[in-house]
Amino acid sequence: MEFTEETVADVTNRLKRVEGQVRALQAMVQEGRDCREVVTQLTAATKALERAGFVLIAAGLTWCLEDPERSAAAGYELADVQKMFTKLA
């Protein structure tokens, strides 16, 4: 699957933010922070990961629709990309 530079930059930035969130979560657990606070931050990190996945899948669907022959030749039939989308949903 091919992604634009903008998509790669967007997803990379999102993943870096998630990385920071996970580090903060580790610190929160080690510090014995309130469980509700930790769960709230876990939820935020999970949602951020999901959004990164949706950006990738949206770009993949666009690629498949714009060039179905090339995407199929690369092993990405539209139905396969749709299945990846439903895994995230």
C-alpha atoms as a PDB file:
ATOM      1  CA  MET A   1       0.000   0.000   0.000  1.00  0.00           C
ATOM      2  CA  GLU A   2       1.316   3.418  -0.861  1.00  0.00           C
ATOM      3  CA  PHE A   3       0.842   6.458   1.353  1.00  0.00           C
ATOM      4  CA  THR A   4       1.402  10.115   0.637  1.00  0.00           C
ATOM      5  CA  GLU A   5       4.087  11.976   2.535  1.00  0.00           C
ATOM      6  CA  GLU A   6       1.321  13.869   4.331  1.00  0.00           C
ATOM      7  CA  THR A   7      -0.297  10.642   5.511  1.00  0.00           C
ATOM      8  CA  VAL A   8       3.023   9.258   6.730  1.00  0.00           C
ATOM      9  CA  ALA A   9       3.784  12.508   8.570  1.00  0.00           C
ATOM     10  CA  ASP A  10       0.303  12.629  10.107  1.00  0.00           C
ATOM     11  CA  VAL A  11       0.386   9.037  11.335  1.00  0.00           C
ATOM     12  CA  THR A  12       3.962   9.391  12.591  1.00  0.00           C
ATOM     13  CA  ASN A  13       3.002  12.462  14.628  1.00  0.00           C
ATOM     14  CA  ARG A  14      -0.024  10.671  16.040  1.00  0.00           C
ATOM     15  CA  LEU A  15       2.084   7.680  17.042  1.00  0.00           C
ATOM     16  CA  LYS A  16       4.685   9.901  18.700  1.00  0.00           C
ATOM     17  CA  ARG A  17       1.923  11.484  20.780  1.00  0.00           C
ATOM     18  CA  VAL A  18       0.657   8.036  21.754  1.00  0.00           C
ATOM     19  CA  GLU A  19       4.188   7.069  22.707  1.00  0.00           C
ATOM     20  CA  GLY A  20       4.275  10.045  25.063  1.00  0.00           C
ATOM     21  CA  GLN A  21       0.896   9.110  26.475  1.00  0.00           C
ATOM     22  CA  VAL A  22       2.084   5.564  27.165  1.00  0.00           C
ATOM     23  CA  ARG A  23       5.193   6.831  28.943  1.00  0.00           C
ATOM     24  CA  ALA A  24       2.995   9.099  31.051  1.00  0.00           C
ATOM     25  CA  LEU A  25       0.759   6.128  31.844  1.00  0.00           C
ATOM     26  CA  GLN A  26       3.748   4.096  32.994  1.00  0.00           C
ATOM     27  CA  ALA A  27       4.744   6.930  35.306  1.00  0.00           C
ATOM     28  CA  MET A  28       1.208   7.263  36.615  1.00  0.00           C
ATOM     29  CA  VAL A  29       1.066   3.575  37.499  1.00  0.00           C
ATOM     30  CA  GLN A  30       4.498   3.651  39.134  1.00  0.00           C
ATOM     31  CA  GLU A  31       3.488   6.727  41.148  1.00  0.00           C
ATOM     32  CA  GLY A  32       0.338   4.992  42.343  1.00  0.00           C
ATOM     33  CA  ARG A  33      -2.013   7.514  40.786  1.00  0.00           C
ATOM     34  CA  ASP A  34      -5.750   7.103  41.143  1.00  0.00           C
ATOM     35  CA  CYS A  35      -7.159   4.288  39.032  1.00  0.00           C
ATOM     36  CA  ARG A  36      -9.784   6.590  37.478  1.00  0.00           C
ATOM     37  CA  GLU A  37      -7.066   8.932  36.222  1.00  0.00           C
ATOM     38  CA  VAL A  38      -5.086   6.038  34.762  1.00  0.00           C
ATOM     39  CA  VAL A  39      -8.134   4.578  33.028  1.00  0.00           C
ATOM     40  CA  THR A  40      -9.011   7.982  31.594  1.00  0.00           C
ATOM     41  CA  GLN A  41      -5.537   8.287  30.112  1.00  0.00           C
ATOM     42  CA  LEU A  42      -5.631   4.685  28.860  1.00  0.00           C
ATOM     43  CA  THR A  43      -8.854   5.493  27.051  1.00  0.00           C
ATOM     44  CA  ALA A  44      -7.287   8.579  25.469  1.00  0.00           C
ATOM     45  CA  ALA A  45      -4.255   6.585  24.292  1.00  0.00           C
ATOM     46  CA  THR A  46      -6.472   3.850  22.876  1.00  0.00           C
ATOM     47  CA  LYS A  47      -8.566   6.375  20.958  1.00  0.00           C
ATOM     48  CA  ALA A  48      -5.429   8.040  19.620  1.00  0.00           C
ATOM     49  CA  LEU A  49      -4.160   4.694  18.312  1.00  0.00           C
ATOM     50  CA  GLU A  50      -7.526   4.015  16.706  1.00  0.00           C
ATOM     51  CA  ARG A  51      -7.446   7.397  14.975  1.00  0.00           C
ATOM     52  CA  ALA A  52      -3.995   6.669  13.580  1.00  0.00           C
ATOM     53  CA  GLY A  53      -5.320   3.388  12.227  1.00  0.00           C
ATOM     54  CA  PHE A  54      -8.324   5.082  10.656  1.00  0.00           C
ATOM     55  CA  VAL A  55      -6.060   7.605   8.913  1.00  0.00           C
ATOM     56  CA  LEU A  56      -4.054   4.718   7.431  1.00  0.00           C
ATOM     57  CA  ILE A  57      -7.129   2.785   6.359  1.00  0.00           C
ATOM     58  CA  ALA A  58      -8.754   5.867   4.829  1.00  0.00           C
ATOM     59  CA  ALA A  59      -5.593   6.479   2.818  1.00  0.00           C
ATOM     60  CA  GLY A  60      -5.542   2.816   1.805  1.00  0.00           C
ATOM     61  CA  LEU A  61      -9.147   2.900   0.673  1.00  0.00           C
ATOM     62  CA  THR A  62      -8.435   6.030  -1.342  1.00  0.00           C
ATOM     63  CA  TRP A  63      -5.449   4.333  -2.961  1.00  0.00           C
ATOM     64  CA  CYS A  64      -7.514   1.241  -3.822  1.00  0.00           C
ATOM     65  CA  LEU A  65     -10.290   3.307  -5.345  1.00  0.00           C
ATOM     66  CA  GLU A  66      -7.969   5.571  -7.323  1.00  0.00           C
ATOM     67  CA  ASP A  67      -5.879   2.736  -8.757  1.00  0.00           C
ATOM     68  CA  PRO A  68      -7.665  -0.598  -8.259  1.00  0.00           C
ATOM     69  CA  GLU A  69      -5.474  -2.566 -10.678  1.00  0.00           C
ATOM     70  CA  ARG A  70      -2.232  -1.484  -9.037  1.00  0.00           C
ATOM     71  CA  SER A  71      -3.539  -1.973  -5.522  1.00  0.00           C
ATOM     72  CA  ALA A  72      -4.814  -5.462  -6.414  1.00  0.00           C
ATOM     73  CA  ALA A  73      -1.440  -6.303  -7.966  1.00  0.00           C
ATOM     74  CA  ALA A  74       0.195  -5.220  -4.701  1.00  0.00           C
ATOM     75  CA  GLY A  75      -2.082  -7.588  -2.762  1.00  0.00           C
ATOM     76  CA  TYR A  76      -4.599  -5.025  -1.565  1.00  0.00           C
ATOM     77  CA  GLU A  77      -7.991  -5.835  -3.002  1.00  0.00           C
ATOM     78  CA  LEU A  78     -10.640  -3.350  -1.918  1.00  0.00           C
ATOM     79  CA  ALA A  79     -12.384  -6.059   0.092  1.00  0.00           C
ATOM     80  CA  ASP A  80      -9.184  -6.720   2.053  1.00  0.00           C
ATOM     81  CA  VAL A  81      -8.811  -3.058   2.972  1.00  0.00           C
ATOM     82  CA  GLN A  82     -12.467  -2.940   3.974  1.00  0.00           C
ATOM     83  CA  LYS A  83     -11.836  -5.879   6.308  1.00  0.00           C
ATOM     84  CA  MET A  84      -8.964  -3.972   7.909  1.00  0.00           C
ATOM     85  CA  PHE A  85     -11.351  -1.068   8.446  1.00  0.00           C
ATOM     86  CA  THR A  86     -13.894  -3.262  10.205  1.00  0.00           C
ATOM     87  CA  LYS A  87     -11.171  -4.607  12.508  1.00  0.00           C
ATOM     88  CA  LEU A  88     -10.652  -1.065  13.780  1.00  0.00           C
ATOM     89  CA  ALA A  89     -14.311  -0.141  13.986  1.00  0.00           C
END
